């Protein structure tokens, strides 16, 4: 397998999150692949790092992607960030987003890390890591 499904998987996850009503009720569509310049919303979702390993087998080409989806918030406390992180997790649980190439076999939640960031700790950041098994169909 190659890295060929990375773009389609990212686009599929983005579209799946953007279409989720519960998540959008919390962040009003503030989902970014690249954080735009200028003033940012109080809380938003950003697609982040990924690590990919070959998982081809006798049936065909495949890969396991470890994808990070981050929730960043300048709201006081962690409550707002955790509510958005829960909505992201719920949206991706058992999701099979459509891809322009290949298919998603499954997506699983792996772990999350919540921390303060920024120069004076004013930002809250939750990095959610998901495993996504894809096949090049």
N, C-alpha and C. Protein backbone atom coordinates (compact mmCIF):
# COMPACT_ATOMS: atom_id res chain seq x y z
N UNK A 1 0.85 -1.19 0.00
CA UNK A 1 0.00 0.00 0.00
C UNK A 1 0.88 1.23 0.00
N UNK A 2 0.32 2.30 -0.36
CA UNK A 2 1.02 3.57 -0.39
C UNK A 2 0.27 4.58 0.47
N UNK A 3 0.71 5.79 0.35
CA UNK A 3 0.07 6.91 1.05
C UNK A 3 -1.09 7.48 0.23
N UNK A 4 -1.49 6.77 -0.80
CA UNK A 4 -2.45 7.26 -1.78
C UNK A 4 -3.82 7.59 -1.21
N UNK A 5 -4.23 6.95 -0.13
CA UNK A 5 -5.57 7.20 0.42
C UNK A 5 -5.58 8.27 1.51
N UNK A 6 -4.43 8.86 1.81
CA UNK A 6 -4.36 9.87 2.87
C UNK A 6 -5.23 11.09 2.55
N UNK A 7 -5.13 11.60 1.34
CA UNK A 7 -5.95 12.75 0.93
C UNK A 7 -7.43 12.44 0.93
N UNK A 8 -7.84 11.34 0.28
CA UNK A 8 -9.25 11.00 0.30
C UNK A 8 -9.79 10.75 1.73
N UNK A 9 -8.98 10.14 2.58
CA UNK A 9 -9.43 9.90 3.96
C UNK A 9 -9.61 11.22 4.69
N UNK A 10 -8.67 12.13 4.56
CA UNK A 10 -8.79 13.43 5.23
C UNK A 10 -10.03 14.18 4.74
N UNK A 11 -10.24 14.17 3.43
CA UNK A 11 -11.42 14.84 2.87
C UNK A 11 -12.71 14.19 3.37
N UNK A 12 -12.71 12.86 3.46
CA UNK A 12 -13.89 12.15 3.95
C UNK A 12 -14.18 12.46 5.41
N UNK A 13 -13.14 12.49 6.24
CA UNK A 13 -13.34 12.82 7.67
C UNK A 13 -13.83 14.26 7.80
N UNK A 14 -13.22 15.16 7.07
CA UNK A 14 -13.64 16.56 7.11
C UNK A 14 -15.12 16.69 6.74
N UNK A 15 -15.52 16.08 5.62
CA UNK A 15 -16.92 16.17 5.18
C UNK A 15 -17.86 15.53 6.19
N UNK A 16 -17.44 14.42 6.78
CA UNK A 16 -18.28 13.73 7.77
C UNK A 16 -18.49 14.61 9.00
N UNK A 17 -17.42 15.22 9.49
CA UNK A 17 -17.55 16.12 10.64
C UNK A 17 -18.37 17.35 10.30
N UNK A 18 -18.14 17.91 9.11
CA UNK A 18 -18.87 19.11 8.70
C UNK A 18 -20.37 18.86 8.57
N UNK A 19 -20.75 17.63 8.30
CA UNK A 19 -22.17 17.29 8.13
C UNK A 19 -22.84 16.88 9.43
N UNK A 20 -22.09 16.77 10.51
CA UNK A 20 -22.66 16.30 11.78
C UNK A 20 -23.39 17.44 12.50
N UNK A 21 -24.70 17.27 12.68
CA UNK A 21 -25.54 18.32 13.26
C UNK A 21 -25.17 18.62 14.71
N UNK A 22 -24.90 17.61 15.51
CA UNK A 22 -24.57 17.84 16.92
C UNK A 22 -23.27 18.64 17.05
N UNK A 23 -22.27 18.26 16.29
CA UNK A 23 -21.00 18.98 16.33
C UNK A 23 -21.17 20.41 15.87
N UNK A 24 -21.88 20.60 14.77
CA UNK A 24 -22.07 21.94 14.24
C UNK A 24 -22.93 22.82 15.13
N UNK A 25 -23.78 22.20 15.94
CA UNK A 25 -24.54 22.96 16.93
C UNK A 25 -23.64 23.59 17.98
N UNK A 26 -22.47 23.00 18.17
CA UNK A 26 -21.51 23.51 19.17
C UNK A 26 -20.49 24.48 18.58
N UNK A 27 -20.10 24.29 17.32
CA UNK A 27 -19.02 25.11 16.76
C UNK A 27 -19.40 25.84 15.47
N UNK A 28 -20.64 25.72 15.04
CA UNK A 28 -21.14 26.44 13.86
C UNK A 28 -20.21 26.33 12.66
N UNK A 29 -19.79 25.11 12.36
CA UNK A 29 -18.99 24.87 11.16
C UNK A 29 -17.52 25.23 11.26
N UNK A 30 -17.04 25.52 12.45
CA UNK A 30 -15.63 25.92 12.62
C UNK A 30 -14.73 24.69 12.64
N UNK A 31 -14.58 24.08 11.46
CA UNK A 31 -13.71 22.91 11.28
C UNK A 31 -12.70 23.30 10.22
N UNK A 32 -11.42 23.18 10.56
CA UNK A 32 -10.37 23.66 9.65
C UNK A 32 -9.37 22.55 9.34
N UNK A 33 -8.94 22.54 8.09
CA UNK A 33 -7.82 21.72 7.69
C UNK A 33 -6.53 22.49 8.01
N UNK A 34 -6.54 23.75 7.68
CA UNK A 34 -5.47 24.68 8.04
C UNK A 34 -6.13 25.86 8.73
N UNK A 35 -5.63 26.26 9.87
CA UNK A 35 -6.26 27.35 10.63
C UNK A 35 -6.10 28.65 9.84
N UNK A 36 -7.21 29.32 9.58
CA UNK A 36 -7.15 30.55 8.78
C UNK A 36 -6.54 31.71 9.57
N UNK A 37 -6.00 32.70 8.85
CA UNK A 37 -5.48 33.88 9.54
C UNK A 37 -6.63 34.72 10.09
N UNK A 38 -6.30 35.58 11.00
CA UNK A 38 -7.30 36.48 11.56
C UNK A 38 -7.88 35.95 12.85
N UNK A 39 -8.97 36.57 13.24
CA UNK A 39 -9.62 36.20 14.50
C UNK A 39 -10.28 34.83 14.37
N UNK A 40 -10.05 34.00 15.36
CA UNK A 40 -10.59 32.64 15.35
C UNK A 40 -11.81 32.54 16.25
N UNK A 41 -12.66 31.56 15.99
CA UNK A 41 -13.79 31.32 16.89
C UNK A 41 -13.28 30.93 18.29
N UNK A 42 -14.13 31.08 19.28
CA UNK A 42 -13.77 30.73 20.65
C UNK A 42 -13.33 29.27 20.74
N UNK A 43 -14.04 28.39 20.06
CA UNK A 43 -13.72 26.96 20.05
C UNK A 43 -13.85 26.45 18.62
N UNK A 44 -12.86 25.67 18.19
CA UNK A 44 -12.90 25.14 16.83
C UNK A 44 -12.20 23.78 16.78
N UNK A 45 -12.39 23.10 15.64
CA UNK A 45 -11.80 21.78 15.39
C UNK A 45 -10.79 21.93 14.26
N UNK A 46 -9.66 21.27 14.42
CA UNK A 46 -8.61 21.31 13.41
C UNK A 46 -8.13 19.90 13.11
N UNK A 47 -8.06 19.56 11.83
CA UNK A 47 -7.51 18.27 11.43
C UNK A 47 -6.00 18.36 11.54
N UNK A 48 -5.38 17.32 12.07
CA UNK A 48 -3.96 17.42 12.36
C UNK A 48 -3.12 16.29 11.83
N UNK A 49 -2.15 15.93 12.64
CA UNK A 49 -1.12 14.96 12.26
C UNK A 49 -1.71 13.58 11.96
N UNK A 50 -0.94 12.82 11.21
CA UNK A 50 -1.34 11.45 10.93
C UNK A 50 -0.09 10.59 10.75
N UNK A 51 -0.25 9.33 11.08
CA UNK A 51 0.80 8.35 10.87
C UNK A 51 0.15 7.17 10.15
N UNK A 52 0.82 6.64 9.13
CA UNK A 52 0.23 5.60 8.30
C UNK A 52 1.16 4.39 8.25
N UNK A 53 0.56 3.20 8.35
CA UNK A 53 1.30 1.95 8.21
C UNK A 53 0.59 1.05 7.21
N UNK A 54 1.38 0.34 6.46
CA UNK A 54 0.82 -0.60 5.50
C UNK A 54 0.07 -1.70 6.23
N UNK A 55 -1.10 -2.03 5.74
CA UNK A 55 -1.89 -3.14 6.28
C UNK A 55 -2.48 -3.96 5.13
N UNK A 56 -1.71 -4.06 4.04
CA UNK A 56 -2.13 -4.89 2.91
C UNK A 56 -2.15 -6.34 3.35
N UNK A 57 -3.01 -7.11 2.72
CA UNK A 57 -3.07 -8.54 3.00
C UNK A 57 -3.34 -9.29 1.71
N UNK A 58 -3.61 -10.56 1.81
CA UNK A 58 -3.82 -11.39 0.62
C UNK A 58 -5.03 -10.94 -0.21
N UNK A 59 -5.97 -10.22 0.44
CA UNK A 59 -7.16 -9.76 -0.26
C UNK A 59 -6.97 -8.44 -0.99
N UNK A 60 -5.88 -7.71 -0.69
CA UNK A 60 -5.66 -6.45 -1.39
C UNK A 60 -4.87 -5.43 -0.58
N UNK A 61 -4.74 -4.25 -1.16
CA UNK A 61 -3.98 -3.17 -0.56
C UNK A 61 -4.79 -2.47 0.53
N UNK A 62 -4.11 -2.14 1.62
CA UNK A 62 -4.77 -1.45 2.71
C UNK A 62 -3.77 -0.71 3.57
N UNK A 63 -4.27 0.13 4.45
CA UNK A 63 -3.40 0.90 5.34
C UNK A 63 -4.15 1.21 6.63
N UNK A 64 -3.38 1.41 7.69
CA UNK A 64 -3.92 1.85 8.97
C UNK A 64 -3.42 3.27 9.21
N UNK A 65 -4.35 4.20 9.29
CA UNK A 65 -4.03 5.61 9.52
C UNK A 65 -4.33 5.94 10.98
N UNK A 66 -3.39 6.55 11.66
CA UNK A 66 -3.65 7.14 12.97
C UNK A 66 -3.78 8.63 12.74
N UNK A 67 -4.99 9.14 12.91
CA UNK A 67 -5.34 10.51 12.56
C UNK A 67 -5.65 11.29 13.83
N UNK A 68 -5.11 12.50 13.92
CA UNK A 68 -5.39 13.37 15.06
C UNK A 68 -6.38 14.45 14.65
N UNK A 69 -7.42 14.60 15.46
CA UNK A 69 -8.38 15.69 15.32
C UNK A 69 -8.28 16.49 16.62
N UNK A 70 -8.00 17.78 16.49
CA UNK A 70 -7.78 18.62 17.67
C UNK A 70 -8.95 19.56 17.90
N UNK A 71 -9.27 19.76 19.17
CA UNK A 71 -10.24 20.76 19.59
C UNK A 71 -9.45 21.83 20.33
N UNK A 72 -9.56 23.06 19.87
CA UNK A 72 -8.83 24.16 20.49
C UNK A 72 -9.86 25.19 20.96
N UNK A 73 -9.69 25.64 22.20
CA UNK A 73 -10.66 26.55 22.77
C UNK A 73 -9.99 27.60 23.64
N UNK A 74 -10.47 28.83 23.53
CA UNK A 74 -10.02 29.88 24.44
C UNK A 74 -11.10 30.17 25.48
N UNK A 75 -12.14 29.36 25.50
CA UNK A 75 -13.18 29.48 26.52
C UNK A 75 -12.58 29.09 27.88
N UNK A 76 -13.01 29.74 28.95
CA UNK A 76 -12.49 29.40 30.28
C UNK A 76 -12.81 27.95 30.65
N UNK A 77 -11.86 27.26 31.27
CA UNK A 77 -12.08 25.88 31.68
C UNK A 77 -12.08 24.93 30.50
N UNK A 78 -12.25 23.66 30.82
CA UNK A 78 -12.24 22.63 29.78
C UNK A 78 -13.63 22.20 29.33
N UNK A 79 -14.68 22.69 29.95
CA UNK A 79 -16.03 22.19 29.67
C UNK A 79 -16.41 22.32 28.19
N UNK A 80 -16.19 23.49 27.60
CA UNK A 80 -16.56 23.69 26.19
C UNK A 80 -15.74 22.78 25.28
N UNK A 81 -14.44 22.71 25.52
CA UNK A 81 -13.57 21.87 24.69
C UNK A 81 -13.96 20.40 24.82
N UNK A 82 -14.27 19.95 26.03
CA UNK A 82 -14.65 18.55 26.22
C UNK A 82 -15.98 18.23 25.57
N UNK A 83 -16.92 19.16 25.57
CA UNK A 83 -18.20 18.93 24.90
C UNK A 83 -17.99 18.77 23.40
N UNK A 84 -17.13 19.59 22.81
CA UNK A 84 -16.85 19.49 21.38
C UNK A 84 -16.09 18.21 21.09
N UNK A 85 -15.13 17.85 21.94
CA UNK A 85 -14.36 16.61 21.74
C UNK A 85 -15.29 15.40 21.81
N UNK A 86 -16.25 15.42 22.71
CA UNK A 86 -17.22 14.32 22.80
C UNK A 86 -18.05 14.24 21.51
N UNK A 87 -18.43 15.39 20.97
CA UNK A 87 -19.22 15.40 19.72
C UNK A 87 -18.39 14.87 18.55
N UNK A 88 -17.10 15.22 18.50
CA UNK A 88 -16.21 14.69 17.45
C UNK A 88 -16.11 13.18 17.58
N UNK A 89 -15.90 12.72 18.81
CA UNK A 89 -15.78 11.28 19.06
C UNK A 89 -17.06 10.55 18.67
N UNK A 90 -18.20 11.10 19.05
CA UNK A 90 -19.49 10.49 18.70
C UNK A 90 -19.68 10.46 17.18
N UNK A 91 -19.29 11.54 16.51
CA UNK A 91 -19.48 11.62 15.05
C UNK A 91 -18.64 10.59 14.31
N UNK A 92 -17.45 10.31 14.82
CA UNK A 92 -16.55 9.39 14.12
C UNK A 92 -16.70 7.93 14.58
N UNK A 93 -17.41 7.71 15.68
CA UNK A 93 -17.62 6.34 16.16
C UNK A 93 -18.39 5.54 15.11
N UNK A 94 -17.79 4.47 14.66
CA UNK A 94 -18.41 3.59 13.66
C UNK A 94 -18.72 4.29 12.33
N UNK A 95 -18.04 5.41 12.06
CA UNK A 95 -18.28 6.15 10.81
C UNK A 95 -17.63 5.43 9.64
N UNK A 96 -18.25 5.55 8.50
CA UNK A 96 -17.69 5.04 7.25
C UNK A 96 -17.81 6.14 6.20
N UNK A 97 -17.03 7.23 6.37
CA UNK A 97 -17.16 8.33 5.40
C UNK A 97 -16.84 7.87 3.99
N UNK A 98 -17.55 8.43 3.05
CA UNK A 98 -17.28 8.12 1.65
C UNK A 98 -15.96 8.74 1.21
N UNK A 99 -15.22 8.01 0.40
CA UNK A 99 -13.93 8.49 -0.09
C UNK A 99 -13.96 8.59 -1.62
N UNK A 100 -13.18 9.49 -2.17
CA UNK A 100 -13.08 9.61 -3.62
C UNK A 100 -12.29 8.45 -4.22
N UNK A 101 -11.52 7.78 -3.39
CA UNK A 101 -10.78 6.58 -3.80
C UNK A 101 -10.71 5.65 -2.60
N UNK A 102 -10.94 4.39 -2.80
CA UNK A 102 -10.88 3.41 -1.73
C UNK A 102 -12.11 3.46 -0.84
N UNK A 103 -11.97 2.80 0.32
CA UNK A 103 -13.09 2.78 1.26
C UNK A 103 -12.56 2.67 2.68
N UNK A 104 -13.36 3.18 3.61
CA UNK A 104 -13.06 3.06 5.03
C UNK A 104 -13.64 1.75 5.52
N UNK A 105 -12.80 0.89 6.07
CA UNK A 105 -13.26 -0.36 6.68
C UNK A 105 -13.85 -0.07 8.05
N UNK A 106 -13.13 0.73 8.85
CA UNK A 106 -13.60 1.08 10.18
C UNK A 106 -12.78 2.24 10.72
N UNK A 107 -13.39 2.97 11.66
CA UNK A 107 -12.69 4.01 12.41
C UNK A 107 -12.92 3.71 13.89
N UNK A 108 -11.83 3.75 14.66
CA UNK A 108 -11.90 3.50 16.10
C UNK A 108 -11.25 4.65 16.86
N UNK A 109 -11.85 5.02 17.98
CA UNK A 109 -11.21 5.96 18.89
C UNK A 109 -10.04 5.25 19.57
N UNK A 110 -8.89 5.91 19.64
CA UNK A 110 -7.72 5.32 20.29
C UNK A 110 -7.37 5.99 21.61
N UNK A 111 -7.26 7.33 21.60
CA UNK A 111 -6.90 8.02 22.83
C UNK A 111 -7.15 9.52 22.67
N UNK A 112 -7.08 10.22 23.81
CA UNK A 112 -7.19 11.67 23.81
C UNK A 112 -6.25 12.24 24.86
N UNK A 113 -5.76 13.43 24.57
CA UNK A 113 -4.91 14.15 25.51
C UNK A 113 -5.47 15.56 25.64
N UNK A 114 -5.76 15.97 26.87
CA UNK A 114 -6.26 17.31 27.14
C UNK A 114 -5.17 18.08 27.88
N UNK A 115 -4.91 19.31 27.42
CA UNK A 115 -3.86 20.11 28.07
C UNK A 115 -4.11 21.59 27.83
N UNK A 116 -3.45 22.39 28.64
CA UNK A 116 -3.43 23.83 28.43
C UNK A 116 -2.28 24.14 27.48
N UNK A 117 -2.45 25.14 26.65
CA UNK A 117 -1.38 25.54 25.75
C UNK A 117 -1.42 27.06 25.58
N UNK A 118 -0.56 27.57 24.74
CA UNK A 118 -0.45 29.01 24.58
C UNK A 118 0.58 29.55 25.56
N UNK A 119 0.98 30.77 25.34
CA UNK A 119 2.07 31.35 26.13
C UNK A 119 1.76 31.45 27.62
N UNK A 120 0.52 31.68 27.97
CA UNK A 120 0.17 31.76 29.40
C UNK A 120 -0.87 30.72 29.80
N UNK A 121 -0.99 29.67 29.00
CA UNK A 121 -1.92 28.60 29.31
C UNK A 121 -3.38 28.97 29.12
N UNK A 122 -3.64 30.01 28.33
CA UNK A 122 -5.01 30.48 28.14
C UNK A 122 -5.82 29.62 27.17
N UNK A 123 -5.16 28.78 26.39
CA UNK A 123 -5.87 27.92 25.45
C UNK A 123 -6.05 26.52 26.04
N UNK A 124 -7.14 25.89 25.68
CA UNK A 124 -7.37 24.48 26.02
C UNK A 124 -7.26 23.72 24.71
N UNK A 125 -6.59 22.59 24.74
CA UNK A 125 -6.41 21.78 23.54
C UNK A 125 -6.64 20.31 23.89
N UNK A 126 -7.48 19.68 23.10
CA UNK A 126 -7.72 18.24 23.24
C UNK A 126 -7.39 17.60 21.90
N UNK A 127 -6.40 16.72 21.91
CA UNK A 127 -6.00 15.98 20.72
C UNK A 127 -6.60 14.59 20.79
N UNK A 128 -7.50 14.30 19.87
CA UNK A 128 -8.14 12.99 19.78
C UNK A 128 -7.47 12.19 18.68
N UNK A 129 -7.05 10.98 18.97
CA UNK A 129 -6.42 10.12 17.97
C UNK A 129 -7.37 8.99 17.62
N UNK A 130 -7.58 8.81 16.33
CA UNK A 130 -8.43 7.75 15.81
C UNK A 130 -7.60 6.86 14.89
N UNK A 131 -7.93 5.58 14.88
CA UNK A 131 -7.34 4.64 13.91
C UNK A 131 -8.39 4.44 12.82
N UNK A 132 -7.94 4.57 11.59
CA UNK A 132 -8.82 4.35 10.44
C UNK A 132 -8.20 3.31 9.54
N UNK A 133 -8.90 2.23 9.34
CA UNK A 133 -8.44 1.15 8.43
C UNK A 133 -9.08 1.40 7.09
N UNK A 134 -8.24 1.53 6.05
CA UNK A 134 -8.74 1.79 4.69
C UNK A 134 -8.25 0.72 3.74
N UNK A 135 -9.02 0.51 2.69
CA UNK A 135 -8.64 -0.40 1.61
C UNK A 135 -8.75 0.33 0.30
N UNK A 136 -7.85 0.07 -0.61
CA UNK A 136 -7.89 0.66 -1.93
C UNK A 136 -8.75 -0.22 -2.81
N UNK A 137 -10.01 0.13 -2.90
CA UNK A 137 -10.99 -0.71 -3.62
C UNK A 137 -10.98 -0.43 -5.12
